Amino acid sequence: MMFKRWLLWIAGAGVLGLIFMAYAQPSLVQHLADQLWACF
């Protein structure tokens, strides 16, 4: 049970770290937004 909780915390921190790194590069965010908008 304790192992699962630690695993969830580590996974959550990893996801937040990736989001932070993505927003640190505005060109990447712009590219992703353009790809999303192209679907419509």
C-alpha atoms as a PDB file:
ATOM      1  CA  MET A   1       0.000   0.000   0.000  1.00  0.00           C
ATOM      2  CA  MET A   2       2.801   2.386   0.907  1.00  0.00           C
ATOM      3  CA  PHE A   3       4.645   1.520  -2.323  1.00  0.00           C
ATOM      4  CA  LYS A   4       1.574   2.443  -4.395  1.00  0.00           C
ATOM      5  CA  ARG A   5       1.283   5.793  -2.667  1.00  0.00           C
ATOM      6  CA  TRP A   6       4.954   6.612  -3.323  1.00  0.00           C
ATOM      7  CA  LEU A   7       4.580   5.512  -6.933  1.00  0.00           C
ATOM      8  CA  LEU A   8       1.591   7.830  -7.398  1.00  0.00           C
ATOM      9  CA  TRP A   9       3.477  10.750  -5.852  1.00  0.00           C
ATOM     10  CA  ILE A  10       6.472  10.160  -8.121  1.00  0.00           C
ATOM     11  CA  ALA A  11       4.270   9.827 -11.211  1.00  0.00           C
ATOM     12  CA  GLY A  12       2.396  13.019 -10.322  1.00  0.00           C
ATOM     13  CA  ALA A  13       5.617  14.937  -9.774  1.00  0.00           C
ATOM     14  CA  GLY A  14       6.924  13.659 -13.109  1.00  0.00           C
ATOM     15  CA  VAL A  15       3.825  14.797 -14.961  1.00  0.00           C
ATOM     16  CA  LEU A  16       3.981  18.234 -13.343  1.00  0.00           C
ATOM     17  CA  GLY A  17       7.669  18.468 -14.216  1.00  0.00           C
ATOM     18  CA  LEU A  18       6.950  17.657 -17.862  1.00  0.00           C
ATOM     19  CA  ILE A  19       4.192  20.272 -17.979  1.00  0.00           C
ATOM     20  CA  PHE A  20       6.522  22.862 -16.476  1.00  0.00           C
ATOM     21  CA  MET A  21       9.240  22.021 -19.009  1.00  0.00           C
ATOM     22  CA  ALA A  22       6.724  22.276 -21.864  1.00  0.00           C
ATOM     23  CA  TYR A  23       5.589  25.737 -20.764  1.00  0.00           C
ATOM     24  CA  ALA A  24       9.217  26.847 -20.425  1.00  0.00           C
ATOM     25  CA  GLN A  25       9.442  26.492 -24.235  1.00  0.00           C
ATOM     26  CA  PRO A  26       6.676  28.674 -25.741  1.00  0.00           C
ATOM     27  CA  SER A  27       7.379  27.400 -29.268  1.00  0.00           C
ATOM     28  CA  LEU A  28       6.456  23.872 -28.173  1.00  0.00           C
ATOM     29  CA  VAL A  29       3.167  25.071 -26.695  1.00  0.00           C
ATOM     30  CA  GLN A  30       2.430  27.025 -29.898  1.00  0.00           C
ATOM     31  CA  HIS A  31       3.185  23.960 -32.019  1.00  0.00           C
ATOM     32  CA  LEU A  32       0.885  21.748 -29.922  1.00  0.00           C
ATOM     33  CA  ALA A  33      -1.877  24.349 -30.072  1.00  0.00           C
ATOM     34  CA  ASP A  34      -1.539  24.543 -33.868  1.00  0.00           C
ATOM     35  CA  GLN A  35      -1.796  20.762 -34.133  1.00  0.00           C
ATOM     36  CA  LEU A  36      -4.871  20.722 -31.928  1.00  0.00           C
ATOM     37  CA  TRP A  37      -6.494  23.533 -33.911  1.00  0.00           C
ATOM     38  CA  ALA A  38      -5.785  21.686 -37.185  1.00  0.00           C
ATOM     39  CA  CYS A  39      -8.168  18.939 -36.036  1.00  0.00           C
ATOM     40  CA  PHE A  40     -11.066  21.378 -36.353  1.00  0.00           C
END
